[in-house]
Amino acid sequence: MVDSTSIEPRWRRMPEERPRQILDAAFEVFAEQGLAAARLDDIAKRAGVSKGTIYLYFPNKEELFREMVRNTILAQIEIGEQAPETASATDDLVECMRGYWSFLRSSTFPVLYRLIQAELRNFPELAQFYAEEVIARGHRLFCHHIQRGIEKAEFRALDPSVATRMLLGSMVMHSLWCSKRSFFPSVAERSDEQVFDEITDFILHALRPAPVA
């Protein structure tokens, strides 16, 4: 029989996984309690580590939030930034939209959205971080694809920044509606893929040049 007292806790046997365990626990606690009310003690308990262990990797819960953002939505933006371009700017834009839609429909996005809308006004440094590292960076990524489409005459001449704002706003709002389908009959009977296809069809028709008479 194995002596249970000789078995180390999971976090002690796998120290390389501690940052991920702490981040996962932080995400769960932030989702349940919000950013302001969350305590490092609660995060440590959820992760199965001591509070002191958290300080070895993260100086405070604000940095935990930043790292959570880096590992979720920023990681998705980086995938889009690093994707090789093809001959078709339209195809590249659609692929970028598909990756973003996948993130929007994940279980992570509603939590982030709720924290951002409800609490970041009380954390000005985190709000600035999110504005610069997420919103502006994601905006540039989509602007690039639209500008490239304009230069290749796949899209009509328009302000890429305005087009990006319309595109992202539509995707975010549809993802929220799909999260509460019972409230929104227009998407209640549609799958995520069908909604994405509808958004894509609408956006591409808005971007394409008018047919020559």
N, C-alpha and C. Protein backbone atom coordinates (compact mmCIF):
# COMPACT_ATOMS: atom_id res chain seq x y z
N MET A 1 0.85 -1.19 0.00
CA MET A 1 0.00 0.00 0.00
C MET A 1 0.89 1.25 0.00
N VAL A 2 0.47 2.28 -0.81
CA VAL A 2 1.25 3.51 -0.89
C VAL A 2 0.89 4.42 0.27
N ASP A 3 1.90 4.92 0.92
CA ASP A 3 1.69 5.85 2.03
C ASP A 3 1.23 7.18 1.46
N SER A 4 -0.02 7.59 1.77
CA SER A 4 -0.56 8.83 1.20
C SER A 4 0.22 10.05 1.65
N THR A 5 0.87 9.96 2.79
CA THR A 5 1.61 11.13 3.28
C THR A 5 2.85 11.38 2.45
N SER A 6 3.27 10.38 1.65
CA SER A 6 4.47 10.55 0.83
C SER A 6 4.16 11.12 -0.54
N ILE A 7 2.85 11.27 -0.86
CA ILE A 7 2.46 11.79 -2.16
C ILE A 7 2.37 13.30 -2.08
N GLU A 8 3.16 13.99 -2.89
CA GLU A 8 3.14 15.44 -2.88
C GLU A 8 1.90 15.96 -3.59
N PRO A 9 1.42 17.12 -3.20
CA PRO A 9 0.30 17.73 -3.92
C PRO A 9 0.66 17.90 -5.39
N ARG A 10 -0.39 17.96 -6.22
CA ARG A 10 -0.17 18.02 -7.66
C ARG A 10 0.69 19.21 -8.06
N TRP A 11 0.45 20.37 -7.44
CA TRP A 11 1.20 21.57 -7.84
C TRP A 11 2.67 21.47 -7.46
N ARG A 12 2.99 20.66 -6.44
CA ARG A 12 4.39 20.50 -6.06
C ARG A 12 5.10 19.51 -6.96
N ARG A 13 4.33 18.54 -7.47
CA ARG A 13 4.95 17.55 -8.36
C ARG A 13 5.17 18.10 -9.76
N MET A 14 4.43 19.15 -10.14
CA MET A 14 4.56 19.71 -11.48
C MET A 14 4.73 21.22 -11.41
N PRO A 15 5.87 21.69 -10.94
CA PRO A 15 6.07 23.14 -10.76
C PRO A 15 5.99 23.92 -12.06
N GLU A 16 6.30 23.29 -13.20
CA GLU A 16 6.24 24.02 -14.47
C GLU A 16 4.81 24.38 -14.85
N GLU A 17 3.84 23.75 -14.21
CA GLU A 17 2.44 24.03 -14.50
C GLU A 17 1.83 25.05 -13.54
N ARG A 18 2.59 25.50 -12.58
CA ARG A 18 2.01 26.41 -11.59
C ARG A 18 1.44 27.69 -12.21
N PRO A 19 2.16 28.39 -13.10
CA PRO A 19 1.58 29.61 -13.67
C PRO A 19 0.24 29.36 -14.35
N ARG A 20 0.14 28.26 -15.11
CA ARG A 20 -1.11 27.95 -15.79
C ARG A 20 -2.22 27.63 -14.78
N GLN A 21 -1.88 26.86 -13.74
CA GLN A 21 -2.88 26.53 -12.71
C GLN A 21 -3.38 27.80 -12.02
N ILE A 22 -2.46 28.71 -11.74
CA ILE A 22 -2.84 29.96 -11.07
C ILE A 22 -3.72 30.80 -11.99
N LEU A 23 -3.36 30.88 -13.27
CA LEU A 23 -4.16 31.65 -14.22
C LEU A 23 -5.56 31.06 -14.40
N ASP A 24 -5.63 29.74 -14.47
CA ASP A 24 -6.94 29.09 -14.60
C ASP A 24 -7.80 29.38 -13.38
N ALA A 25 -7.18 29.32 -12.21
CA ALA A 25 -7.92 29.60 -10.98
C ALA A 25 -8.35 31.06 -10.93
N ALA A 26 -7.47 31.96 -11.36
CA ALA A 26 -7.80 33.39 -11.38
C ALA A 26 -8.99 33.65 -12.29
N PHE A 27 -8.99 33.00 -13.45
CA PHE A 27 -10.09 33.17 -14.38
C PHE A 27 -11.41 32.75 -13.74
N GLU A 28 -11.41 31.63 -13.05
CA GLU A 28 -12.63 31.14 -12.42
C GLU A 28 -13.09 32.09 -11.31
N VAL A 29 -12.15 32.56 -10.51
CA VAL A 29 -12.52 33.47 -9.41
C VAL A 29 -12.98 34.81 -9.95
N PHE A 30 -12.30 35.34 -10.97
CA PHE A 30 -12.74 36.60 -11.58
C PHE A 30 -14.15 36.45 -12.15
N ALA A 31 -14.41 35.30 -12.77
CA ALA A 31 -15.73 35.06 -13.37
C ALA A 31 -16.82 35.03 -12.31
N GLU A 32 -16.50 34.47 -11.15
CA GLU A 32 -17.50 34.33 -10.09
C GLU A 32 -17.66 35.58 -9.25
N GLN A 33 -16.55 36.25 -8.94
CA GLN A 33 -16.59 37.34 -7.97
C GLN A 33 -16.37 38.72 -8.58
N GLY A 34 -15.84 38.77 -9.80
CA GLY A 34 -15.47 40.04 -10.38
C GLY A 34 -14.03 40.38 -10.01
N LEU A 35 -13.49 41.36 -10.69
CA LEU A 35 -12.09 41.71 -10.48
C LEU A 35 -11.86 42.42 -9.15
N ALA A 36 -12.72 43.35 -8.81
CA ALA A 36 -12.53 44.13 -7.58
C ALA A 36 -12.67 43.26 -6.33
N ALA A 37 -13.64 42.35 -6.33
CA ALA A 37 -13.91 41.55 -5.14
C ALA A 37 -13.00 40.33 -5.02
N ALA A 38 -12.36 39.94 -6.10
CA ALA A 38 -11.50 38.74 -6.06
C ALA A 38 -10.32 38.96 -5.12
N ARG A 39 -9.98 37.94 -4.35
CA ARG A 39 -8.84 38.00 -3.44
C ARG A 39 -7.81 36.96 -3.84
N LEU A 40 -6.55 37.30 -3.65
CA LEU A 40 -5.48 36.35 -3.96
C LEU A 40 -5.61 35.09 -3.11
N ASP A 41 -6.13 35.23 -1.89
CA ASP A 41 -6.33 34.06 -1.04
C ASP A 41 -7.28 33.06 -1.71
N ASP A 42 -8.34 33.58 -2.30
CA ASP A 42 -9.31 32.71 -2.97
C ASP A 42 -8.70 32.05 -4.21
N ILE A 43 -7.90 32.82 -4.94
CA ILE A 43 -7.25 32.28 -6.13
C ILE A 43 -6.25 31.20 -5.74
N ALA A 44 -5.50 31.45 -4.68
CA ALA A 44 -4.52 30.45 -4.22
C ALA A 44 -5.22 29.17 -3.80
N LYS A 45 -6.31 29.30 -3.06
CA LYS A 45 -7.06 28.12 -2.62
C LYS A 45 -7.59 27.34 -3.82
N ARG A 46 -8.11 28.05 -4.82
CA ARG A 46 -8.66 27.39 -6.01
C ARG A 46 -7.56 26.69 -6.80
N ALA A 47 -6.37 27.29 -6.83
CA ALA A 47 -5.26 26.70 -7.58
C ALA A 47 -4.55 25.59 -6.82
N GLY A 48 -4.81 25.51 -5.52
CA GLY A 48 -4.13 24.50 -4.72
C GLY A 48 -2.69 24.88 -4.40
N VAL A 49 -2.44 26.17 -4.27
CA VAL A 49 -1.10 26.65 -3.94
C VAL A 49 -1.21 27.62 -2.77
N SER A 50 -0.06 27.99 -2.24
CA SER A 50 -0.06 29.00 -1.18
C SER A 50 -0.12 30.39 -1.81
N LYS A 51 -0.57 31.35 -1.03
CA LYS A 51 -0.60 32.73 -1.52
C LYS A 51 0.80 33.20 -1.89
N GLY A 52 1.79 32.75 -1.12
CA GLY A 52 3.17 33.12 -1.41
C GLY A 52 3.63 32.61 -2.76
N THR A 53 3.11 31.45 -3.16
CA THR A 53 3.49 30.90 -4.46
C THR A 53 3.02 31.80 -5.59
N ILE A 54 1.84 32.39 -5.44
CA ILE A 54 1.34 33.31 -6.48
C ILE A 54 2.32 34.46 -6.66
N TYR A 55 2.85 34.98 -5.55
CA TYR A 55 3.75 36.12 -5.64
C TYR A 55 5.06 35.79 -6.35
N LEU A 56 5.38 34.51 -6.45
CA LEU A 56 6.58 34.12 -7.19
C LEU A 56 6.42 34.37 -8.68
N TYR A 57 5.17 34.40 -9.14
CA TYR A 57 4.90 34.54 -10.57
C TYR A 57 4.16 35.83 -10.93
N PHE A 58 3.31 36.30 -10.02
CA PHE A 58 2.49 37.47 -10.30
C PHE A 58 2.48 38.39 -9.08
N PRO A 59 2.85 39.66 -9.25
CA PRO A 59 2.94 40.56 -8.10
C PRO A 59 1.60 40.95 -7.51
N ASN A 60 0.52 40.89 -8.30
CA ASN A 60 -0.80 41.29 -7.82
C ASN A 60 -1.87 40.76 -8.77
N LYS A 61 -3.12 40.96 -8.42
CA LYS A 61 -4.20 40.42 -9.25
C LYS A 61 -4.34 41.20 -10.56
N GLU A 62 -3.88 42.47 -10.58
CA GLU A 62 -3.91 43.22 -11.83
C GLU A 62 -3.01 42.57 -12.88
N GLU A 63 -1.85 42.11 -12.44
CA GLU A 63 -0.95 41.43 -13.38
C GLU A 63 -1.53 40.07 -13.78
N LEU A 64 -2.24 39.43 -12.88
CA LEU A 64 -2.94 38.20 -13.23
C LEU A 64 -3.95 38.47 -14.35
N PHE A 65 -4.66 39.57 -14.26
CA PHE A 65 -5.62 39.93 -15.30
C PHE A 65 -4.90 40.17 -16.62
N ARG A 66 -3.79 40.91 -16.58
CA ARG A 66 -3.05 41.17 -17.82
C ARG A 66 -2.59 39.87 -18.46
N GLU A 67 -2.07 38.97 -17.66
CA GLU A 67 -1.57 37.71 -18.21
C GLU A 67 -2.73 36.86 -18.73
N MET A 68 -3.87 36.94 -18.08
CA MET A 68 -5.04 36.23 -18.56
C MET A 68 -5.44 36.75 -19.94
N VAL A 69 -5.38 38.06 -20.12
CA VAL A 69 -5.70 38.67 -21.42
C VAL A 69 -4.66 38.25 -22.46
N ARG A 70 -3.39 38.24 -22.06
CA ARG A 70 -2.33 37.85 -23.01
C ARG A 70 -2.50 36.41 -23.48
N ASN A 71 -2.98 35.56 -22.60
CA ASN A 71 -3.11 34.15 -22.92
C ASN A 71 -4.41 33.80 -23.63
N THR A 72 -5.30 34.77 -23.77
CA THR A 72 -6.58 34.49 -24.41
C THR A 72 -6.72 35.33 -25.67
N ILE A 73 -7.24 36.52 -25.56
CA ILE A 73 -7.54 37.31 -26.75
C ILE A 73 -6.28 37.80 -27.45
N LEU A 74 -5.23 38.14 -26.70
CA LEU A 74 -4.00 38.57 -27.35
C LEU A 74 -3.34 37.42 -28.10
N ALA A 75 -3.45 36.23 -27.55
CA ALA A 75 -2.91 35.06 -28.26
C ALA A 75 -3.64 34.86 -29.58
N GLN A 76 -4.95 35.12 -29.60
CA GLN A 76 -5.72 34.99 -30.83
C GLN A 76 -5.31 36.06 -31.84
N ILE A 77 -5.07 37.27 -31.38
CA ILE A 77 -4.63 38.35 -32.26
C ILE A 77 -3.27 38.00 -32.86
N GLU A 78 -2.38 37.46 -32.05
CA GLU A 78 -1.05 37.08 -32.54
C GLU A 78 -1.13 36.02 -33.63
N ILE A 79 -2.06 35.09 -33.50
CA ILE A 79 -2.24 34.08 -34.54
C ILE A 79 -2.60 34.76 -35.86
N GLY A 80 -3.50 35.73 -35.78
CA GLY A 80 -3.89 36.46 -36.97
C GLY A 80 -2.74 37.27 -37.55
N GLU A 81 -1.94 37.87 -36.69
CA GLU A 81 -0.81 38.68 -37.16
C GLU A 81 0.25 37.82 -37.85
N GLN A 82 0.42 36.60 -37.39
CA GLN A 82 1.47 35.73 -37.90
C GLN A 82 1.02 34.86 -39.07
N ALA A 83 -0.27 34.88 -39.37
CA ALA A 83 -0.78 34.04 -40.47
C ALA A 83 -0.21 34.52 -41.79
N PRO A 84 0.32 33.62 -42.63
CA PRO A 84 0.87 34.04 -43.93
C PRO A 84 -0.24 34.56 -44.84
N GLU A 85 0.08 35.59 -45.59
CA GLU A 85 -0.90 36.15 -46.51
C GLU A 85 -0.99 35.31 -47.78
N THR A 86 -2.18 35.23 -48.33
CA THR A 86 -2.40 34.52 -49.58
C THR A 86 -2.58 35.55 -50.70
N ALA A 87 -2.88 35.07 -51.88
CA ALA A 87 -3.09 35.98 -53.00
C ALA A 87 -4.38 36.76 -52.87
N SER A 88 -5.29 36.27 -52.04
CA SER A 88 -6.61 36.89 -51.90
C SER A 88 -6.75 37.60 -50.57
N ALA A 89 -6.89 38.93 -50.62
CA ALA A 89 -7.12 39.68 -49.40
C ALA A 89 -8.47 39.33 -48.80
N THR A 90 -9.44 39.00 -49.66
CA THR A 90 -10.77 38.60 -49.18
C THR A 90 -10.69 37.34 -48.36
N ASP A 91 -9.98 36.33 -48.89
CA ASP A 91 -9.83 35.08 -48.15
C ASP A 91 -9.13 35.30 -46.82
N ASP A 92 -8.11 36.16 -46.82
CA ASP A 92 -7.37 36.41 -45.58
C ASP A 92 -8.25 37.11 -44.55
N LEU A 93 -9.07 38.05 -45.02
CA LEU A 93 -9.98 38.73 -44.10
C LEU A 93 -10.98 37.75 -43.50
N VAL A 94 -11.55 36.89 -44.33
CA VAL A 94 -12.53 35.92 -43.85
C VAL A 94 -11.89 34.96 -42.84
N GLU A 95 -10.66 34.54 -43.11
CA GLU A 95 -9.97 33.64 -42.19
C GLU A 95 -9.71 34.33 -40.85
N CYS A 96 -9.35 35.61 -40.91
CA CYS A 96 -9.12 36.38 -39.69
C CYS A 96 -10.44 36.53 -38.92
N MET A 97 -11.51 36.78 -39.63
CA MET A 97 -12.83 36.87 -38.99
C MET A 97 -13.21 35.55 -38.35
N ARG A 98 -12.91 34.45 -39.03
CA ARG A 98 -13.27 33.14 -38.50
C ARG A 98 -12.54 32.85 -37.19
N GLY A 99 -11.25 33.19 -37.13
CA GLY A 99 -10.50 32.99 -35.90
C GLY A 99 -11.05 33.83 -34.75
N TYR A 100 -11.42 35.07 -35.08
CA TYR A 100 -11.97 35.95 -34.05
C TYR A 100 -13.34 35.47 -33.59
N TRP A 101 -14.15 35.01 -34.54
CA TRP A 101 -15.48 34.49 -34.19
C TRP A 101 -15.37 33.28 -33.27
N SER A 102 -14.39 32.43 -33.55
CA SER A 102 -14.17 31.26 -32.70
C SER A 102 -13.88 31.69 -31.26
N PHE A 103 -13.07 32.73 -31.11
CA PHE A 103 -12.78 33.22 -29.76
C PHE A 103 -14.03 33.85 -29.13
N LEU A 104 -14.76 34.65 -29.91
CA LEU A 104 -15.95 35.29 -29.38
C LEU A 104 -16.98 34.29 -28.88
N ARG A 105 -17.02 33.11 -29.51
CA ARG A 105 -18.00 32.11 -29.13
C ARG A 105 -17.43 31.11 -28.12
N SER A 106 -16.24 31.36 -27.62
CA SER A 106 -15.68 30.51 -26.58
C SER A 106 -16.26 30.90 -25.23
N SER A 107 -16.01 30.08 -24.22
CA SER A 107 -16.50 30.38 -22.88
C SER A 107 -15.68 31.49 -22.21
N THR A 108 -14.55 31.83 -22.82
CA THR A 108 -13.67 32.86 -22.24
C THR A 108 -14.20 34.26 -22.50
N PHE A 109 -14.69 34.51 -23.70
CA PHE A 109 -15.05 35.89 -24.07
C PHE A 109 -16.13 36.50 -23.18
N PRO A 110 -17.24 35.81 -22.88
CA PRO A 110 -18.26 36.46 -22.04
C PRO A 110 -17.72 36.93 -20.69
N VAL A 111 -16.79 36.16 -20.12
CA VAL A 111 -16.20 36.56 -18.84
C VAL A 111 -15.38 37.82 -19.01
N LEU A 112 -14.52 37.83 -20.03
CA LEU A 112 -13.70 39.03 -20.28
C LEU A 112 -14.58 40.24 -20.56
N TYR A 113 -15.59 40.04 -21.38
CA TYR A 113 -16.47 41.16 -21.74
C TYR A 113 -17.14 41.74 -20.50
N ARG A 114 -17.62 40.86 -19.63
CA ARG A 114 -18.29 41.32 -18.41
C ARG A 114 -17.32 42.09 -17.51
N LEU A 115 -16.11 41.59 -17.38
CA LEU A 115 -15.12 42.29 -16.55
C LEU A 115 -14.78 43.64 -17.15
N ILE A 116 -14.61 43.68 -18.45
CA ILE A 116 -14.22 44.93 -19.13
C ILE A 116 -15.33 45.97 -19.01
N GLN A 117 -16.56 45.57 -19.27
CA GLN A 117 -17.67 46.52 -19.26
C GLN A 117 -18.00 46.99 -17.85
N ALA A 118 -17.92 46.09 -16.89
CA ALA A 118 -18.39 46.42 -15.55
C ALA A 118 -17.31 47.00 -14.64
N GLU A 119 -16.05 46.63 -14.86
CA GLU A 119 -15.06 46.92 -13.84
C GLU A 119 -13.83 47.71 -14.26
N LEU A 120 -13.47 47.70 -15.52
CA LEU A 120 -12.21 48.33 -15.89
C LEU A 120 -12.19 49.83 -15.68
N ARG A 121 -13.38 50.44 -15.60
CA ARG A 121 -13.41 51.88 -15.31
C ARG A 121 -12.83 52.18 -13.94
N ASN A 122 -12.83 51.17 -13.05
CA ASN A 122 -12.25 51.34 -11.72
C ASN A 122 -10.77 50.97 -11.67
N PHE A 123 -10.24 50.50 -12.80
CA PHE A 123 -8.82 50.14 -12.90
C PHE A 123 -8.24 50.83 -14.12
N PRO A 124 -7.95 52.13 -14.02
CA PRO A 124 -7.53 52.91 -15.20
C PRO A 124 -6.30 52.35 -15.90
N GLU A 125 -5.35 51.80 -15.16
CA GLU A 125 -4.16 51.26 -15.80
C GLU A 125 -4.50 50.01 -16.62
N LEU A 126 -5.41 49.18 -16.11
CA LEU A 126 -5.83 48.00 -16.86
C LEU A 126 -6.66 48.42 -18.07
N ALA A 127 -7.47 49.46 -17.90
CA ALA A 127 -8.26 49.95 -19.03
C ALA A 127 -7.34 50.44 -20.15
N GLN A 128 -6.28 51.15 -19.76
CA GLN A 128 -5.32 51.63 -20.75
C GLN A 128 -4.60 50.47 -21.43
N PHE A 129 -4.23 49.49 -20.64
CA PHE A 129 -3.59 48.29 -21.18
C PHE A 129 -4.49 47.61 -22.20
N TYR A 130 -5.76 47.46 -21.86
CA TYR A 130 -6.69 46.76 -22.75
C TYR A 130 -6.92 47.57 -24.03
N ALA A 131 -7.03 48.88 -23.87
CA ALA A 131 -7.26 49.73 -25.03
C ALA A 131 -6.09 49.67 -26.01
N GLU A 132 -4.86 49.66 -25.47
CA GLU A 132 -3.68 49.70 -26.33
C GLU A 132 -3.30 48.33 -26.87
N GLU A 133 -3.35 47.31 -26.00
CA GLU A 133 -2.85 46.00 -26.38
C GLU A 133 -3.88 45.10 -27.06
N VAL A 134 -5.15 45.37 -26.80
CA VAL A 134 -6.19 44.51 -27.38
C VAL A 134 -6.98 45.25 -28.45
N ILE A 135 -7.65 46.32 -28.05
CA ILE A 135 -8.53 47.01 -29.00
C ILE A 135 -7.74 47.59 -30.17
N ALA A 136 -6.71 48.38 -29.87
CA ALA A 136 -5.96 49.02 -30.94
C ALA A 136 -5.22 48.00 -31.80
N ARG A 137 -4.67 46.99 -31.18
CA ARG A 137 -3.92 45.99 -31.93
C ARG A 137 -4.84 45.15 -32.82
N GLY A 138 -5.97 44.74 -32.28
CA GLY A 138 -6.92 44.00 -33.10
C GLY A 138 -7.47 44.86 -34.22
N HIS A 139 -7.71 46.13 -33.94
CA HIS A 139 -8.20 47.05 -34.96
C HIS A 139 -7.19 47.16 -36.11
N ARG A 140 -5.92 47.27 -35.76
CA ARG A 140 -4.88 47.37 -36.80
C ARG A 140 -4.84 46.13 -37.68
N LEU A 141 -5.03 44.97 -37.07
CA LEU A 141 -4.99 43.72 -37.82
C LEU A 141 -6.07 43.69 -38.89
N PHE A 142 -7.30 44.02 -38.52
CA PHE A 142 -8.39 44.01 -39.49
C PHE A 142 -8.25 45.14 -40.50
N CYS A 143 -7.78 46.30 -40.05
CA CYS A 143 -7.53 47.41 -40.96
C CYS A 143 -6.53 47.00 -42.05
N HIS A 144 -5.52 46.27 -41.66
CA HIS A 144 -4.50 45.83 -42.62
C HIS A 144 -5.13 44.99 -43.72
N HIS A 145 -5.96 44.04 -43.36
CA HIS A 145 -6.58 43.18 -44.37
C HIS A 145 -7.51 43.98 -45.28
N ILE A 146 -8.24 44.92 -44.71
CA ILE A 146 -9.15 45.71 -45.52
C ILE A 146 -8.39 46.66 -46.44
N GLN A 147 -7.33 47.29 -45.91
CA GLN A 147 -6.50 48.17 -46.73
C GLN A 147 -5.87 47.39 -47.88
N ARG A 148 -5.42 46.21 -47.61
CA ARG A 148 -4.82 45.36 -48.66
C ARG A 148 -5.87 45.02 -49.72
N GLY A 149 -7.09 44.74 -49.27
CA GLY A 149 -8.15 44.46 -50.23
C GLY A 149 -8.47 45.65 -51.11
N ILE A 150 -8.40 46.85 -50.54
CA ILE A 150 -8.62 48.08 -51.32
C ILE A 150 -7.52 48.23 -52.37
N GLU A 151 -6.28 48.02 -51.95
CA GLU A 151 -5.15 48.17 -52.87
C GLU A 151 -5.18 47.14 -54.01
N LYS A 152 -5.76 45.97 -53.74
CA LYS A 152 -5.86 44.93 -54.75
C LYS A 152 -7.17 45.03 -55.54
N ALA A 153 -7.95 46.07 -55.27
CA ALA A 153 -9.22 46.31 -55.94
C ALA A 153 -10.26 45.22 -55.66
N GLU A 154 -10.05 44.48 -54.59
CA GLU A 154 -11.07 43.52 -54.17
C GLU A 154 -12.17 44.20 -53.37
N PHE A 155 -11.82 45.32 -52.72
CA PHE A 155 -12.77 46.10 -51.95
C PHE A 155 -12.84 47.51 -52.54
N ARG A 156 -13.95 48.17 -52.30
CA ARG A 156 -14.10 49.54 -52.77
C ARG A 156 -13.28 50.49 -51.92
N ALA A 157 -13.05 51.67 -52.43
CA ALA A 157 -12.28 52.68 -51.69
C ALA A 157 -13.14 53.21 -50.54
N LEU A 158 -12.67 53.01 -49.35
CA LEU A 158 -13.37 53.49 -48.16
C LEU A 158 -12.35 53.60 -47.03
N ASP A 159 -12.77 54.16 -45.92
CA ASP A 159 -11.90 54.29 -44.76
C ASP A 159 -11.78 52.94 -44.07
N PRO A 160 -10.59 52.32 -44.09
CA PRO A 160 -10.45 50.99 -43.46
C PRO A 160 -10.78 50.99 -41.98
N SER A 161 -10.53 52.11 -41.31
CA SER A 161 -10.81 52.19 -39.88
C SER A 161 -12.30 52.13 -39.60
N VAL A 162 -13.08 52.85 -40.41
CA VAL A 162 -14.53 52.82 -40.25
C VAL A 162 -15.07 51.43 -40.57
N ALA A 163 -14.57 50.83 -41.66
CA ALA A 163 -15.02 49.48 -42.02
C ALA A 163 -14.70 48.48 -40.92
N THR A 164 -13.53 48.61 -40.31
CA THR A 164 -13.15 47.71 -39.22
C THR A 164 -14.06 47.87 -38.02
N ARG A 165 -14.41 49.11 -37.71
CA ARG A 165 -15.31 49.36 -36.59
C ARG A 165 -16.67 48.71 -36.83
N MET A 166 -17.18 48.82 -38.04
CA MET A 166 -18.47 48.20 -38.36
C MET A 166 -18.38 46.68 -38.29
N LEU A 167 -17.28 46.14 -38.78
CA LEU A 167 -17.09 44.69 -38.79
C LEU A 167 -17.00 44.14 -37.37
N LEU A 168 -16.14 44.73 -36.56
CA LEU A 168 -15.93 44.22 -35.21
C LEU A 168 -17.17 44.41 -34.34
N GLY A 169 -17.84 45.55 -34.51
CA GLY A 169 -19.05 45.78 -33.73
C GLY A 169 -20.12 44.74 -34.03
N SER A 170 -20.27 44.41 -35.31
CA SER A 170 -21.25 43.41 -35.70
C SER A 170 -20.91 42.04 -35.12
N MET A 171 -19.64 41.67 -35.17
CA MET A 171 -19.23 40.35 -34.67
C MET A 171 -19.41 40.25 -33.16
N VAL A 172 -19.01 41.27 -32.44
CA VAL A 172 -19.13 41.23 -30.97
C VAL A 172 -20.59 41.16 -30.55
N MET A 173 -21.43 42.01 -31.14
CA MET A 173 -22.84 42.01 -30.74
C MET A 173 -23.53 40.70 -31.10
N HIS A 174 -23.22 40.14 -32.26
CA HIS A 174 -23.83 38.86 -32.61
C HIS A 174 -23.38 37.74 -31.67
N SER A 175 -22.13 37.80 -31.24
CA SER A 175 -21.66 36.77 -30.31
C SER A 175 -22.41 36.86 -28.98
N LEU A 176 -22.69 38.09 -28.54
CA LEU A 176 -23.45 38.27 -27.30
C LEU A 176 -24.89 37.80 -27.47
N TRP A 177 -25.49 38.09 -28.61
CA TRP A 177 -26.85 37.62 -28.87
C TRP A 177 -26.90 36.10 -28.90
N CYS A 178 -25.88 35.50 -29.51
CA CYS A 178 -25.85 34.03 -29.57
C CYS A 178 -25.67 33.40 -28.19
N SER A 179 -25.10 34.16 -27.27
CA SER A 179 -24.93 33.65 -25.91
C SER A 179 -26.26 33.66 -25.14
N LYS A 180 -27.22 34.44 -25.63
CA LYS A 180 -28.55 34.54 -24.99
C LYS A 180 -29.61 34.36 -26.07
N ARG A 181 -29.54 33.24 -26.75
CA ARG A 181 -30.40 33.03 -27.92
C ARG A 181 -31.89 33.15 -27.59
N SER A 182 -32.28 32.76 -26.38
CA SER A 182 -33.69 32.82 -26.03
C SER A 182 -34.22 34.25 -26.02
N PHE A 183 -33.34 35.23 -25.87
CA PHE A 183 -33.75 36.62 -25.87
C PHE A 183 -33.83 37.21 -27.28
N PHE A 184 -33.18 36.56 -28.24
CA PHE A 184 -33.06 37.12 -29.58
C PHE A 184 -33.54 36.11 -30.61
N PRO A 185 -34.83 36.17 -30.94
CA PRO A 185 -35.42 35.20 -31.88
C PRO A 185 -34.72 35.15 -33.23
N SER A 186 -34.12 36.26 -33.66
CA SER A 186 -33.51 36.29 -34.98
C SER A 186 -32.32 35.34 -35.10
N VAL A 187 -31.72 34.96 -33.95
CA VAL A 187 -30.60 34.00 -34.01
C VAL A 187 -30.92 32.71 -33.27
N ALA A 188 -32.12 32.62 -32.72
CA ALA A 188 -32.46 31.48 -31.86
C ALA A 188 -32.35 30.15 -32.58
N GLU A 189 -32.73 30.12 -33.86
CA GLU A 189 -32.74 28.88 -34.61
C GLU A 189 -31.51 28.71 -35.51
N ARG A 190 -30.54 29.58 -35.35
CA ARG A 190 -29.36 29.54 -36.21
C ARG A 190 -28.15 29.06 -35.43
N SER A 191 -27.33 28.25 -36.07
CA SER A 191 -26.10 27.78 -35.44
C SER A 191 -25.06 28.89 -35.49
N ASP A 192 -23.99 28.73 -34.73
CA ASP A 192 -22.90 29.70 -34.77
C ASP A 192 -22.35 29.83 -36.18
N GLU A 193 -22.22 28.73 -36.89
CA GLU A 193 -21.67 28.77 -38.24
C GLU A 193 -22.61 29.53 -39.18
N GLN A 194 -23.90 29.35 -39.03
CA GLN A 194 -24.85 30.08 -39.86
C GLN A 194 -24.79 31.58 -39.59
N VAL A 195 -24.69 31.95 -38.33
CA VAL A 195 -24.60 33.37 -37.99
C VAL A 195 -23.31 33.96 -38.56
N PHE A 196 -22.21 33.21 -38.43
CA PHE A 196 -20.94 33.70 -38.98
C PHE A 196 -21.05 33.89 -40.49
N ASP A 197 -21.66 32.95 -41.17
CA ASP A 197 -21.82 33.06 -42.62
C ASP A 197 -22.65 34.29 -42.99
N GLU A 198 -23.66 34.58 -42.19
CA GLU A 198 -24.49 35.76 -42.46
C GLU A 198 -23.70 37.05 -42.25
N ILE A 199 -22.91 37.10 -41.19
CA ILE A 199 -22.07 38.29 -40.94
C ILE A 199 -21.08 38.46 -42.08
N THR A 200 -20.43 37.38 -42.45
CA THR A 200 -19.42 37.44 -43.51
C THR A 200 -20.03 37.89 -44.84
N ASP A 201 -21.19 37.33 -45.17
CA ASP A 201 -21.86 37.70 -46.42
C ASP A 201 -22.19 39.19 -46.43
N PHE A 202 -22.69 39.69 -45.31
CA PHE A 202 -23.06 41.10 -45.22
C PHE A 202 -21.83 42.01 -45.34
N ILE A 203 -20.79 41.68 -44.60
CA ILE A 203 -19.58 42.50 -44.60
C ILE A 203 -18.92 42.52 -45.97
N LEU A 204 -18.80 41.37 -46.61
CA LEU A 204 -18.15 41.31 -47.92
C LEU A 204 -18.95 42.07 -48.97
N HIS A 205 -20.28 42.00 -48.90
CA HIS A 205 -21.08 42.77 -49.84
C HIS A 205 -20.91 44.27 -49.60
N ALA A 206 -20.72 44.65 -48.36
CA ALA A 206 -20.50 46.07 -48.06
C ALA A 206 -19.13 46.55 -48.53
N LEU A 207 -18.18 45.65 -48.59
CA LEU A 207 -16.82 46.03 -48.96
C LEU A 207 -16.55 45.98 -50.46
N ARG A 208 -17.24 45.10 -51.17
CA ARG A 208 -16.93 44.90 -52.59
C ARG A 208 -17.27 46.15 -53.40
N PRO A 209 -16.52 46.36 -54.47
CA PRO A 209 -16.82 47.50 -55.37
C PRO A 209 -18.20 47.35 -55.99
N ALA A 210 -18.84 48.49 -56.29
CA ALA A 210 -20.13 48.45 -56.94
C ALA A 210 -19.95 47.89 -58.36
N PRO A 211 -20.89 47.10 -58.84
CA PRO A 211 -20.75 46.53 -60.19
C PRO A 211 -20.74 47.64 -61.23
N VAL A 212 -19.94 47.44 -62.27
CA VAL A 212 -19.83 48.44 -63.33
C VAL A 212 -21.07 48.38 -64.21
N ALA A 213 -21.67 49.54 -64.46
CA ALA A 213 -22.89 49.59 -65.28
C ALA A 213 -22.57 49.19 -66.71
